[in-house]
Amino acid sequence: MDVKNLAVLMQLKNAMEMASPSPVPTPHVASEIPKSKTGWLEKTCRFCKAVKVWYKADWVNPPIMCDGCRNERKTRYKPGRGDTLYSETQVFRGGSPGGGKHK
């Protein structure tokens, strides 16, 4: 790289830095944990926003959702009929179609 090209690149870099200065990082302000006489704190569920969740102030990972929301998200299969065009659905185990049975 030539000295001339290097000087042009440095001027371009300086011009770009002057046009858009780097953002100033904001200092982190730690939020205070409210004091409780019993040691238990309450907050609302993050998902349903209706149920109160109780936790201790010294817990490392306090819960963010209530028991109802937690159980709803744990359930993988909900009983009942799904939306399908067919009268019934049957699941076959095994390999790919035409792959044959392997013994």
PDB file of N, CA and C in Angstrom:
ATOM      1  N   MET A   1       0.845  -1.166   0.000  1.00  0.00           N
ATOM      2  CA  MET A   1       0.000   0.000   0.000  1.00  0.00           C
ATOM      3  C   MET A   1       0.891   1.230   0.000  1.00  0.00           C
ATOM      4  N   ASP A   2       0.539   2.151  -0.846  1.00  0.00           N
ATOM      5  CA  ASP A   2       1.310   3.394  -0.952  1.00  0.00           C
ATOM      6  C   ASP A   2       1.064   4.289   0.257  1.00  0.00           C
ATOM      7  N   VAL A   3       1.990   5.195   0.449  1.00  0.00           N
ATOM      8  CA  VAL A   3       1.846   6.175   1.519  1.00  0.00           C
ATOM      9  C   VAL A   3       0.683   7.109   1.202  1.00  0.00           C
ATOM     10  N   LYS A   4       0.522   7.403  -0.094  1.00  0.00           N
ATOM     11  CA  LYS A   4      -0.554   8.287  -0.521  1.00  0.00           C
ATOM     12  C   LYS A   4      -1.924   7.645  -0.231  1.00  0.00           C
ATOM     13  N   ASN A   5      -2.055   6.354  -0.564  1.00  0.00           N
ATOM     14  CA  ASN A   5      -3.309   5.649  -0.303  1.00  0.00           C
ATOM     15  C   ASN A   5      -3.577   5.532   1.200  1.00  0.00           C
ATOM     16  N   LEU A   6      -2.526   5.309   1.973  1.00  0.00           N
ATOM     17  CA  LEU A   6      -2.676   5.214   3.418  1.00  0.00           C
ATOM     18  C   LEU A   6      -3.168   6.537   4.004  1.00  0.00           C
ATOM     19  N   ALA A   7      -2.627   7.640   3.500  1.00  0.00           N
ATOM     20  CA  ALA A   7      -3.057   8.957   3.979  1.00  0.00           C
ATOM     21  C   ALA A   7      -4.524   9.210   3.627  1.00  0.00           C
ATOM     22  N   VAL A   8      -4.933   8.800   2.433  1.00  0.00           N
ATOM     23  CA  VAL A   8      -6.332   8.979   2.023  1.00  0.00           C
ATOM     24  C   VAL A   8      -7.245   8.127   2.901  1.00  0.00           C
ATOM     25  N   LEU A   9      -6.822   6.905   3.187  1.00  0.00           N
ATOM     26  CA  LEU A   9      -7.623   6.037   4.045  1.00  0.00           C
ATOM     27  C   LEU A   9      -7.741   6.597   5.462  1.00  0.00           C
ATOM     28  N   MET A  10      -6.666   7.149   5.984  1.00  0.00           N
ATOM     29  CA  MET A  10      -6.701   7.731   7.325  1.00  0.00           C
ATOM     30  C   MET A  10      -7.628   8.949   7.365  1.00  0.00           C
ATOM     31  N   GLN A  11      -7.590   9.779   6.296  1.00  0.00           N
ATOM     32  CA  GLN A  11      -8.489  10.931   6.239  1.00  0.00           C
ATOM     33  C   GLN A  11      -9.951  10.473   6.179  1.00  0.00           C
ATOM     34  N   LEU A  12     -10.199   9.432   5.399  1.00  0.00           N
ATOM     35  CA  LEU A  12     -11.553   8.899   5.292  1.00  0.00           C
ATOM     36  C   LEU A  12     -12.035   8.354   6.636  1.00  0.00           C
ATOM     37  N   LYS A  13     -11.152   7.658   7.328  1.00  0.00           N
ATOM     38  CA  LYS A  13     -11.509   7.113   8.639  1.00  0.00           C
ATOM     39  C   LYS A  13     -11.818   8.231   9.625  1.00  0.00           C
ATOM     40  N   ASN A  14     -10.997   9.274   9.646  1.00  0.00           N
ATOM     41  CA  ASN A  14     -11.228  10.399  10.552  1.00  0.00           C
ATOM     42  C   ASN A  14     -12.533  11.115  10.223  1.00  0.00           C
ATOM     43  N   ALA A  15     -12.824  11.263   8.927  1.00  0.00           N
ATOM     44  CA  ALA A  15     -14.065  11.922   8.522  1.00  0.00           C
ATOM     45  C   ALA A  15     -15.281  11.099   8.955  1.00  0.00           C
ATOM     46  N   MET A  16     -15.189   9.775   8.848  1.00  0.00           N
ATOM     47  CA  MET A  16     -16.299   8.914   9.253  1.00  0.00           C
ATOM     48  C   MET A  16     -16.502   8.960  10.766  1.00  0.00           C
ATOM     49  N   GLU A  17     -15.422   9.014  11.522  1.00  0.00           N
ATOM     50  CA  GLU A  17     -15.537   9.091  12.978  1.00  0.00           C
ATOM     51  C   GLU A  17     -16.129  10.422  13.421  1.00  0.00           C
ATOM     52  N   MET A  18     -15.807  11.491  12.710  1.00  0.00           N
ATOM     53  CA  MET A  18     -16.358  12.799  13.053  1.00  0.00           C
ATOM     54  C   MET A  18     -17.842  12.874  12.689  1.00  0.00           C
ATOM     55  N   ALA A  19     -18.228  12.194  11.600  1.00  0.00           N
ATOM     56  CA  ALA A  19     -19.625  12.232  11.160  1.00  0.00           C
ATOM     57  C   ALA A  19     -20.523  11.469  12.126  1.00  0.00           C
ATOM     58  N   SER A  20     -20.074  10.334  12.592  1.00  0.00           N
ATOM     59  CA  SER A  20     -20.882   9.545  13.531  1.00  0.00           C
ATOM     60  C   SER A  20     -20.000   9.130  14.703  1.00  0.00           C
ATOM     61  N   PRO A  21     -19.990   9.922  15.761  1.00  0.00           N
ATOM     62  CA  PRO A  21     -19.157   9.569  16.916  1.00  0.00           C
ATOM     63  C   PRO A  21     -19.682   8.306  17.594  1.00  0.00           C
ATOM     64  N   SER A  22     -18.786   7.608  18.225  1.00  0.00           N
ATOM     65  CA  SER A  22     -19.175   6.376  18.903  1.00  0.00           C
ATOM     66  C   SER A  22     -20.079   6.712  20.087  1.00  0.00           C
ATOM     67  N   PRO A  23     -21.056   5.877  20.353  1.00  0.00           N
ATOM     68  CA  PRO A  23     -21.975   6.167  21.454  1.00  0.00           C
ATOM     69  C   PRO A  23     -21.267   6.083  22.801  1.00  0.00           C
ATOM     70  N   VAL A  24     -21.677   6.950  23.684  1.00  0.00           N
ATOM     71  CA  VAL A  24     -21.108   6.966  25.026  1.00  0.00           C
ATOM     72  C   VAL A  24     -21.857   5.927  25.853  1.00  0.00           C
ATOM     73  N   PRO A  25     -21.146   4.981  26.444  1.00  0.00           N
ATOM     74  CA  PRO A  25     -21.842   3.959  27.231  1.00  0.00           C
ATOM     75  C   PRO A  25     -22.469   4.574  28.479  1.00  0.00           C
ATOM     76  N   THR A  26     -23.694   4.184  28.742  1.00  0.00           N
ATOM     77  CA  THR A  26     -24.367   4.677  29.939  1.00  0.00           C
ATOM     78  C   THR A  26     -23.932   3.836  31.132  1.00  0.00           C
ATOM     79  N   PRO A  27     -23.705   4.459  32.252  1.00  0.00           N
ATOM     80  CA  PRO A  27     -23.277   3.686  33.424  1.00  0.00           C
ATOM     81  C   PRO A  27     -24.409   2.791  33.915  1.00  0.00           C
ATOM     82  N   HIS A  28     -24.045   1.624  34.391  1.00  0.00           N
ATOM     83  CA  HIS A  28     -25.027   0.664  34.893  1.00  0.00           C
ATOM     84  C   HIS A  28     -25.451   1.057  36.299  1.00  0.00           C
ATOM     85  N   VAL A  29     -26.741   1.189  36.465  1.00  0.00           N
ATOM     86  CA  VAL A  29     -27.283   1.512  37.780  1.00  0.00           C
ATOM     87  C   VAL A  29     -28.024   0.283  38.276  1.00  0.00           C
ATOM     88  N   ALA A  30     -27.531  -0.288  39.345  1.00  0.00           N
ATOM     89  CA  ALA A  30     -28.159  -1.484  39.901  1.00  0.00           C
ATOM     90  C   ALA A  30     -29.451  -1.087  40.606  1.00  0.00           C
ATOM     91  N   SER A  31     -30.525  -1.786  40.255  1.00  0.00           N
ATOM     92  CA  SER A  31     -31.805  -1.481  40.882  1.00  0.00           C
ATOM     93  C   SER A  31     -31.824  -2.044  42.307  1.00  0.00           C
ATOM     94  N   GLU A  32     -32.414  -1.292  43.186  1.00  0.00           N
ATOM     95  CA  GLU A  32     -32.479  -1.731  44.579  1.00  0.00           C
ATOM     96  C   GLU A  32     -33.606  -2.736  44.755  1.00  0.00           C
ATOM     97  N   ILE A  33     -33.347  -3.751  45.548  1.00  0.00           N
ATOM     98  CA  ILE A  33     -34.367  -4.736  45.871  1.00  0.00           C
ATOM     99  C   ILE A  33     -35.178  -4.184  47.034  1.00  0.00           C
ATOM    100  N   PRO A  34     -36.499  -4.124  46.889  1.00  0.00           N
ATOM    101  CA  PRO A  34     -37.294  -3.580  47.996  1.00  0.00           C
ATOM    102  C   PRO A  34     -37.183  -4.445  49.245  1.00  0.00           C
ATOM    103  N   LYS A  35     -37.159  -3.794  50.374  1.00  0.00           N
ATOM    104  CA  LYS A  35     -37.034  -4.499  51.649  1.00  0.00           C
ATOM    105  C   LYS A  35     -38.401  -5.025  52.091  1.00  0.00           C
ATOM    106  N   SER A  36     -38.387  -6.178  52.705  1.00  0.00           N
ATOM    107  CA  SER A  36     -39.615  -6.777  53.205  1.00  0.00           C
ATOM    108  C   SER A  36     -39.372  -7.236  54.634  1.00  0.00           C
ATOM    109  N   LYS A  37     -40.403  -7.148  55.451  1.00  0.00           N
ATOM    110  CA  LYS A  37     -40.258  -7.561  56.847  1.00  0.00           C
ATOM    111  C   LYS A  37     -40.154  -9.074  56.972  1.00  0.00           C
ATOM    112  N   THR A  38     -40.851  -9.800  56.111  1.00  0.00           N
ATOM    113  CA  THR A  38     -40.850 -11.260  56.189  1.00  0.00           C
ATOM    114  C   THR A  38     -39.750 -11.889  55.344  1.00  0.00           C
ATOM    115  N   GLY A  39     -39.146 -11.146  54.449  1.00  0.00           N
ATOM    116  CA  GLY A  39     -38.111 -11.698  53.580  1.00  0.00           C
ATOM    117  C   GLY A  39     -38.645 -12.144  52.230  1.00  0.00           C
ATOM    118  N   TRP A  40     -39.963 -12.217  52.074  1.00  0.00           N
ATOM    119  CA  TRP A  40     -40.574 -12.620  50.810  1.00  0.00           C
ATOM    120  C   TRP A  40     -40.955 -11.382  50.013  1.00  0.00           C
ATOM    121  N   LEU A  41     -40.652 -11.404  48.726  1.00  0.00           N
ATOM    122  CA  LEU A  41     -41.004 -10.313  47.826  1.00  0.00           C
ATOM    123  C   LEU A  41     -42.029 -10.812  46.824  1.00  0.00           C
ATOM    124  N   GLU A  42     -42.803  -9.907  46.259  1.00  0.00           N
ATOM    125  CA  GLU A  42     -43.799 -10.315  45.277  1.00  0.00           C
ATOM    126  C   GLU A  42     -43.642  -9.495  44.000  1.00  0.00           C
ATOM    127  N   LYS A  43     -43.941 -10.140  42.884  1.00  0.00           N
ATOM    128  CA  LYS A  43     -43.997  -9.449  41.602  1.00  0.00           C
ATOM    129  C   LYS A  43     -45.026 -10.163  40.744  1.00  0.00           C
ATOM    130  N   THR A  44     -45.455  -9.520  39.677  1.00  0.00           N
ATOM    131  CA  THR A  44     -46.473 -10.127  38.823  1.00  0.00           C
ATOM    132  C   THR A  44     -45.819 -11.059  37.816  1.00  0.00           C
ATOM    133  N   CYS A  45     -46.605 -12.020  37.361  1.00  0.00           N
ATOM    134  CA  CYS A  45     -46.140 -12.985  36.367  1.00  0.00           C
ATOM    135  C   CYS A  45     -45.830 -12.238  35.069  1.00  0.00           C
ATOM    136  N   ARG A  46     -44.742 -12.578  34.427  1.00  0.00           N
ATOM    137  CA  ARG A  46     -44.330 -11.890  33.212  1.00  0.00           C
ATOM    138  C   ARG A  46     -45.242 -12.207  32.027  1.00  0.00           C
ATOM    139  N   PHE A  47     -45.925 -13.353  32.060  1.00  0.00           N
ATOM    140  CA  PHE A  47     -46.713 -13.785  30.910  1.00  0.00           C
ATOM    141  C   PHE A  47     -48.188 -13.424  31.046  1.00  0.00           C
ATOM    142  N   CYS A  48     -48.817 -13.744  32.177  1.00  0.00           N
ATOM    143  CA  CYS A  48     -50.255 -13.464  32.311  1.00  0.00           C
ATOM    144  C   CYS A  48     -50.518 -12.124  32.990  1.00  0.00           C
ATOM    145  N   LYS A  49     -49.552 -11.555  33.642  1.00  0.00           N
ATOM    146  CA  LYS A  49     -49.629 -10.254  34.298  1.00  0.00           C
ATOM    147  C   LYS A  49     -50.753 -10.152  35.338  1.00  0.00           C
ATOM    148  N   ALA A  50     -51.267 -11.280  35.794  1.00  0.00           N
ATOM    149  CA  ALA A  50     -52.372 -11.244  36.745  1.00  0.00           C
ATOM    150  C   ALA A  50     -51.997 -11.847  38.088  1.00  0.00           C
ATOM    151  N   VAL A  51     -51.235 -12.911  38.085  1.00  0.00           N
ATOM    152  CA  VAL A  51     -50.940 -13.652  39.305  1.00  0.00           C
ATOM    153  C   VAL A  51     -49.650 -13.122  39.922  1.00  0.00           C
ATOM    154  N   LYS A  52     -49.645 -13.042  41.230  1.00  0.00           N
ATOM    155  CA  LYS A  52     -48.444 -12.617  41.947  1.00  0.00           C
ATOM    156  C   LYS A  52     -47.518 -13.808  42.153  1.00  0.00           C
ATOM    157  N   VAL A  53     -46.234 -13.582  41.967  1.00  0.00           N
ATOM    158  CA  VAL A  53     -45.215 -14.607  42.185  1.00  0.00           C
ATOM    159  C   VAL A  53     -44.404 -14.177  43.400  1.00  0.00           C
ATOM    160  N   TRP A  54     -44.265 -15.061  44.361  1.00  0.00           N
ATOM    161  CA  TRP A  54     -43.534 -14.763  45.590  1.00  0.00           C
ATOM    162  C   TRP A  54     -42.158 -15.401  45.531  1.00  0.00           C
ATOM    163  N   TYR A  55     -41.136 -14.659  45.977  1.00  0.00           N
ATOM    164  CA  TYR A  55     -39.776 -15.178  45.986  1.00  0.00           C
ATOM    165  C   TYR A  55     -38.982 -14.507  47.098  1.00  0.00           C
ATOM    166  N   LYS A  56     -37.888 -15.159  47.485  1.00  0.00           N
ATOM    167  CA  LYS A  56     -36.999 -14.616  48.518  1.00  0.00           C
ATOM    168  C   LYS A  56     -36.003 -13.655  47.876  1.00  0.00           C
ATOM    169  N   ALA A  57     -35.577 -12.667  48.612  1.00  0.00           N
ATOM    170  CA  ALA A  57     -34.662 -11.665  48.079  1.00  0.00           C
ATOM    171  C   ALA A  57     -33.284 -12.245  47.796  1.00  0.00           C
ATOM    172  N   ASP A  58     -32.889 -13.304  48.509  1.00  0.00           N
ATOM    173  CA  ASP A  58     -31.545 -13.844  48.335  1.00  0.00           C
ATOM    174  C   ASP A  58     -31.481 -14.953  47.289  1.00  0.00           C
ATOM    175  N   TRP A  59     -32.576 -15.255  46.600  1.00  0.00           N
ATOM    176  CA  TRP A  59     -32.549 -16.269  45.543  1.00  0.00           C
ATOM    177  C   TRP A  59     -31.773 -15.740  44.352  1.00  0.00           C
ATOM    178  N   VAL A  60     -30.940 -16.595  43.758  1.00  0.00           N
ATOM    179  CA  VAL A  60     -30.113 -16.182  42.627  1.00  0.00           C
ATOM    180  C   VAL A  60     -30.968 -15.981  41.377  1.00  0.00           C
ATOM    181  N   ASN A  61     -31.826 -16.948  41.056  1.00  0.00           N
ATOM    182  CA  ASN A  61     -32.700 -16.850  39.891  1.00  0.00           C
ATOM    183  C   ASN A  61     -34.156 -16.846  40.356  1.00  0.00           C
ATOM    184  N   PRO A  62     -34.720 -15.684  40.619  1.00  0.00           N
ATOM    185  CA  PRO A  62     -36.110 -15.665  41.058  1.00  0.00           C
ATOM    186  C   PRO A  62     -37.042 -16.065  39.914  1.00  0.00           C
ATOM    187  N   PRO A  63     -38.193 -16.661  40.229  1.00  0.00           N
ATOM    188  CA  PRO A  63     -39.110 -17.095  39.174  1.00  0.00           C
ATOM    189  C   PRO A  63     -39.700 -15.898  38.433  1.00  0.00           C
ATOM    190  N   ILE A  64     -40.012 -16.117  37.148  1.00  0.00           N
ATOM    191  CA  ILE A  64     -40.590 -15.041  36.346  1.00  0.00           C
ATOM    192  C   ILE A  64     -42.029 -15.337  35.950  1.00  0.00           C
ATOM    193  N   MET A  65     -42.493 -16.584  36.162  1.00  0.00           N
ATOM    194  CA  MET A  65     -43.860 -16.920  35.784  1.00  0.00           C
ATOM    195  C   MET A  65     -44.544 -17.700  36.894  1.00  0.00           C
ATOM    196  N   CYS A  66     -45.864 -17.637  36.879  1.00  0.00           N
ATOM    197  CA  CYS A  66     -46.656 -18.319  37.902  1.00  0.00           C
ATOM    198  C   CYS A  66     -46.748 -19.810  37.583  1.00  0.00           C
ATOM    199  N   ASP A  67     -47.335 -20.574  38.514  1.00  0.00           N
ATOM    200  CA  ASP A  67     -47.449 -22.023  38.327  1.00  0.00           C
ATOM    201  C   ASP A  67     -48.323 -22.369  37.129  1.00  0.00           C
ATOM    202  N   GLY A  68     -49.396 -21.624  36.906  1.00  0.00           N
ATOM    203  CA  GLY A  68     -50.278 -21.903  35.775  1.00  0.00           C
ATOM    204  C   GLY A  68     -49.571 -21.726  34.442  1.00  0.00           C
ATOM    205  N   CYS A  69     -48.834 -20.640  34.288  1.00  0.00           N
ATOM    206  CA  CYS A  69     -48.099 -20.403  33.034  1.00  0.00           C
ATOM    207  C   CYS A  69     -46.992 -21.438  32.860  1.00  0.00           C
ATOM    208  N   ARG A  70     -46.333 -21.822  33.953  1.00  0.00           N
ATOM    209  CA  ARG A  70     -45.262 -22.813  33.873  1.00  0.00           C
ATOM    210  C   ARG A  70     -45.809 -24.161  33.418  1.00  0.00           C
ATOM    211  N   ASN A  71     -46.935 -24.592  34.001  1.00  0.00           N
ATOM    212  CA  ASN A  71     -47.532 -25.869  33.610  1.00  0.00           C
ATOM    213  C   ASN A  71     -48.046 -25.829  32.175  1.00  0.00           C
ATOM    214  N   GLU A  72     -48.567 -24.698  31.743  1.00  0.00           N
ATOM    215  CA  GLU A  72     -49.055 -24.570  30.370  1.00  0.00           C
ATOM    216  C   GLU A  72     -47.906 -24.685  29.371  1.00  0.00           C
ATOM    217  N   ARG A  73     -46.763 -24.136  29.701  1.00  0.00           N
ATOM    218  CA  ARG A  73     -45.625 -24.204  28.784  1.00  0.00           C
ATOM    219  C   ARG A  73     -44.920 -25.557  28.836  1.00  0.00           C
ATOM    220  N   LYS A  74     -45.078 -26.297  29.954  1.00  0.00           N
ATOM    221  CA  LYS A  74     -44.484 -27.629  30.052  1.00  0.00           C
ATOM    222  C   LYS A  74     -45.255 -28.652  29.240  1.00  0.00           C
ATOM    223  N   THR A  75     -46.575 -28.464  29.091  1.00  0.00           N
ATOM    224  CA  THR A  75     -47.426 -29.438  28.423  1.00  0.00           C
ATOM    225  C   THR A  75     -47.106 -29.454  26.938  1.00  0.00           C
ATOM    226  N   ARG A  76     -46.634 -30.607  26.460  1.00  0.00           N
ATOM    227  CA  ARG A  76     -46.280 -30.717  25.046  1.00  0.00           C
ATOM    228  C   ARG A  76     -47.468 -31.135  24.200  1.00  0.00           C
ATOM    229  N   TYR A  77     -48.306 -31.994  24.739  1.00  0.00           N
ATOM    230  CA  TYR A  77     -49.452 -32.493  23.987  1.00  0.00           C
ATOM    231  C   TYR A  77     -50.712 -32.153  24.761  1.00  0.00           C
ATOM    232  N   LYS A  78     -51.610 -31.465  24.124  1.00  0.00           N
ATOM    233  CA  LYS A  78     -52.874 -31.139  24.761  1.00  0.00           C
ATOM    234  C   LYS A  78     -53.934 -32.084  24.220  1.00  0.00           C
ATOM    235  N   PRO A  79     -54.648 -32.793  25.083  1.00  0.00           N
ATOM    236  CA  PRO A  79     -55.641 -33.745  24.605  1.00  0.00           C
ATOM    237  C   PRO A  79     -56.769 -33.043  23.861  1.00  0.00           C
ATOM    238  N   GLY A  80     -57.313 -33.753  22.899  1.00  0.00           N
ATOM    239  CA  GLY A  80     -58.400 -33.205  22.103  1.00  0.00           C
ATOM    240  C   GLY A  80     -58.100 -33.384  20.625  1.00  0.00           C
ATOM    241  N   ARG A  81     -59.054 -33.024  19.821  1.00  0.00           N
ATOM    242  CA  ARG A  81     -58.881 -33.188  18.380  1.00  0.00           C
ATOM    243  C   ARG A  81     -58.204 -31.953  17.805  1.00  0.00           C
ATOM    244  N   GLY A  82     -57.292 -32.201  16.897  1.00  0.00           N
ATOM    245  CA  GLY A  82     -56.616 -31.110  16.229  1.00  0.00           C
ATOM    246  C   GLY A  82     -57.379 -30.681  14.989  1.00  0.00           C
ATOM    247  N   ASP A  83     -56.930 -29.648  14.358  1.00  0.00           N
ATOM    248  CA  ASP A  83     -57.544 -29.181  13.122  1.00  0.00           C
ATOM    249  C   ASP A  83     -56.983 -29.985  11.965  1.00  0.00           C
ATOM    250  N   THR A  84     -57.770 -30.888  11.424  1.00  0.00           N
ATOM    251  CA  THR A  84     -57.326 -31.706  10.307  1.00  0.00           C
ATOM    252  C   THR A  84     -58.499 -31.945   9.366  1.00  0.00           C
ATOM    253  N   LEU A  85     -58.204 -32.218   8.111  1.00  0.00           N
ATOM    254  CA  LEU A  85     -59.238 -32.488   7.115  1.00  0.00           C
ATOM    255  C   LEU A  85     -59.643 -33.953   7.113  1.00  0.00           C
ATOM    256  N   TYR A  86     -58.873 -34.807   7.765  1.00  0.00           N
ATOM    257  CA  TYR A  86     -59.110 -36.244   7.730  1.00  0.00           C
ATOM    258  C   TYR A  86     -59.896 -36.685   8.960  1.00  0.00           C
ATOM    259  N   SER A  87     -60.584 -37.831   8.831  1.00  0.00           N
ATOM    260  CA  SER A  87     -61.399 -38.306   9.948  1.00  0.00           C
ATOM    261  C   SER A  87     -60.533 -38.818  11.089  1.00  0.00           C
ATOM    262  N   GLU A  88     -59.450 -39.494  10.774  1.00  0.00           N
ATOM    263  CA  GLU A  88     -58.538 -39.934  11.828  1.00  0.00           C
ATOM    264  C   GLU A  88     -57.126 -40.010  11.262  1.00  0.00           C
ATOM    265  N   THR A  89     -56.171 -39.929  12.140  1.00  0.00           N
ATOM    266  CA  THR A  89     -54.769 -39.922  11.741  1.00  0.00           C
ATOM    267  C   THR A  89     -54.082 -41.098  12.388  1.00  0.00           C
ATOM    268  N   GLN A  90     -53.239 -41.798  11.633  1.00  0.00           N
ATOM    269  CA  GLN A  90     -52.504 -42.932  12.166  1.00  0.00           C
ATOM    270  C   GLN A  90     -51.024 -42.700  11.899  1.00  0.00           C
ATOM    271  N   VAL A  91     -50.202 -42.923  12.909  1.00  0.00           N
ATOM    272  CA  VAL A  91     -48.766 -42.711  12.797  1.00  0.00           C
ATOM    273  C   VAL A  91     -48.093 -44.064  12.727  1.00  0.00           C
ATOM    274  N   PHE A  92     -47.297 -44.287  11.686  1.00  0.00           N
ATOM    275  CA  PHE A  92     -46.568 -45.535  11.517  1.00  0.00           C
ATOM    276  C   PHE A  92     -45.131 -45.323  11.939  1.00  0.00           C
ATOM    277  N   ARG A  93     -44.600 -46.287  12.652  1.00  0.00           N
ATOM    278  CA  ARG A  93     -43.192 -46.192  13.019  1.00  0.00           C
ATOM    279  C   ARG A  93     -42.371 -46.923  11.973  1.00  0.00           C
ATOM    280  N   GLY A  94     -41.128 -46.585  11.882  1.00  0.00           N
ATOM    281  CA  GLY A  94     -40.267 -47.246  10.917  1.00  0.00           C
ATOM    282  C   GLY A  94     -39.469 -46.219  10.136  1.00  0.00           C
ATOM    283  N   GLY A  95     -38.924 -46.663   9.051  1.00  0.00           N
ATOM    284  CA  GLY A  95     -38.042 -45.811   8.263  1.00  0.00           C
ATOM    285  C   GLY A  95     -38.789 -45.007   7.219  1.00  0.00           C
ATOM    286  N   SER A  96     -38.086 -44.706   6.171  1.00  0.00           N
ATOM    287  CA  SER A  96     -38.657 -43.903   5.101  1.00  0.00           C
ATOM    288  C   SER A  96     -39.544 -44.767   4.212  1.00  0.00           C
ATOM    289  N   PRO A  97     -40.450 -44.163   3.457  1.00  0.00           N
ATOM    290  CA  PRO A  97     -41.289 -44.946   2.556  1.00  0.00           C
ATOM    291  C   PRO A  97     -40.444 -45.654   1.501  1.00  0.00           C
ATOM    292  N   GLY A  98     -40.706 -46.937   1.324  1.00  0.00           N
ATOM    293  CA  GLY A  98     -39.938 -47.705   0.347  1.00  0.00           C
ATOM    294  C   GLY A  98     -38.617 -48.198   0.885  1.00  0.00           C
ATOM    295  N   GLY A  99     -38.315 -47.881   2.114  1.00  0.00           N
ATOM    296  CA  GLY A  99     -37.041 -48.298   2.690  1.00  0.00           C
ATOM    297  C   GLY A  99     -37.043 -49.748   3.127  1.00  0.00           C
ATOM    298  N   GLY A 100     -38.221 -50.335   3.293  1.00  0.00           N
ATOM    299  CA  GLY A 100     -38.314 -51.726   3.716  1.00  0.00           C
ATOM    300  C   GLY A 100     -38.087 -51.875   5.204  1.00  0.00           C
ATOM    301  N   LYS A 101     -38.373 -53.049   5.693  1.00  0.00           N
ATOM    302  CA  LYS A 101     -38.184 -53.340   7.116  1.00  0.00           C
ATOM    303  C   LYS A 101     -36.754 -53.815   7.333  1.00  0.00           C
ATOM    304  N   HIS A 102     -36.123 -53.298   8.319  1.00  0.00           N
ATOM    305  CA  HIS A 102     -34.771 -53.742   8.674  1.00  0.00           C
ATOM    306  C   HIS A 102     -34.874 -54.613   9.907  1.00  0.00           C
ATOM    307  N   LYS A 103     -34.274 -55.772   9.841  1.00  0.00           N
ATOM    308  CA  LYS A 103     -34.335 -56.689  10.982  1.00  0.00           C
ATOM    309  C   LYS A 103     -32.994 -56.800  11.654  1.00  0.00           C
TER     310      LYS A 103
END
